[in-house]
Amino acid sequence: MRELKFALICKEVILNRFECDNYEEANKLARASHGDEAFAVDSTNYKTAIGDSYINGKFYHMSEEGTLE
């Protein structure tokens, strides 16, 4: 089975990235490590980095100028 890539989100910020084979397990890991506000989002098809944002279902990257892209 192919490993999926997940972004660990809390308060609209990507705190970590990790691989897992299913969403339910990834979400449990997110909540166990960062509390009930945290959740996992499948980011397999997106270029994401720690510190990027996840707002209203979309990933955003913070540019060097401080704007969201």
Protein backbone atom coordinates (compact mmCIF):
# COMPACT_ATOMS: atom_id res chain seq x y z
CA MET A 1 0.00 0.00 0.00
CA ARG A 2 1.25 3.47 -0.90
CA GLU A 3 2.04 5.80 1.99
CA LEU A 4 0.13 9.07 1.92
CA LYS A 5 1.65 12.37 3.03
CA PHE A 6 -0.21 14.34 5.68
CA ALA A 7 0.12 17.83 7.08
CA LEU A 8 -0.52 18.20 10.80
CA ILE A 9 -2.61 21.35 11.21
CA CYS A 10 -3.37 23.34 14.36
CA LYS A 11 -4.81 26.85 14.38
CA GLU A 12 -4.46 27.09 10.57
CA VAL A 13 -0.68 26.42 10.64
CA ILE A 14 1.20 23.34 9.43
CA LEU A 15 3.15 22.15 12.46
CA ASN A 16 4.53 18.97 10.95
CA ARG A 17 4.45 16.69 7.91
CA PHE A 18 4.44 12.90 8.04
CA GLU A 19 3.60 9.75 6.13
CA CYS A 20 0.81 7.38 7.13
CA ASP A 21 -1.23 4.75 5.33
CA ASN A 22 -4.69 6.11 6.22
CA TYR A 23 -6.49 9.26 7.29
CA GLU A 24 -8.00 7.93 10.53
CA GLU A 25 -4.60 6.93 11.91
CA ALA A 26 -3.05 10.22 10.79
CA ASN A 27 -5.80 12.19 12.52
CA LYS A 28 -5.34 10.20 15.74
CA LEU A 29 -1.61 10.97 15.67
CA ALA A 30 -2.29 14.68 15.13
CA ARG A 31 -4.69 14.87 18.08
CA ALA A 32 -2.47 12.76 20.35
CA SER A 33 0.53 14.99 19.77
CA HIS A 34 -1.11 18.45 19.59
CA GLY A 35 -4.53 18.22 21.27
CA ASP A 36 -8.14 18.18 20.14
CA GLU A 37 -7.78 21.26 17.90
CA ALA A 38 -5.22 19.50 15.71
CA PHE A 39 -6.09 17.47 12.63
CA ALA A 40 -4.44 15.83 9.64
CA VAL A 41 -4.95 16.77 5.99
CA ASP A 42 -3.83 14.68 3.02
CA SER A 43 -1.10 16.75 1.40
CA THR A 44 0.22 14.07 -0.98
CA ASN A 45 -0.47 16.18 -4.08
CA TYR A 46 0.64 19.53 -2.63
CA LYS A 47 4.00 21.11 -1.96
CA THR A 48 3.77 22.06 1.71
CA ALA A 49 6.24 23.04 4.42
CA ILE A 50 6.17 23.47 8.16
CA GLY A 51 4.93 26.99 8.89
CA ASP A 52 2.66 27.18 5.83
CA SER A 53 -1.04 27.86 6.39
CA TYR A 54 -4.19 25.83 5.81
CA ILE A 55 -7.21 28.15 5.64
CA ASN A 56 -10.75 27.21 4.56
CA GLY A 57 -9.60 23.99 2.92
CA LYS A 58 -6.66 25.45 0.98
CA PHE A 59 -2.89 25.37 1.53
CA TYR A 60 -0.98 28.66 1.48
CA HIS A 61 2.73 29.42 1.57
CA MET A 62 4.04 32.48 3.42
CA SER A 63 6.32 34.43 1.08
CA GLU A 64 9.50 36.17 2.21
CA GLU A 65 7.53 39.45 2.02
CA GLY A 66 5.04 38.12 4.56
CA THR A 67 2.12 37.57 2.19
CA LEU A 68 0.19 34.35 1.64
CA GLU A 69 0.59 32.71 -1.77
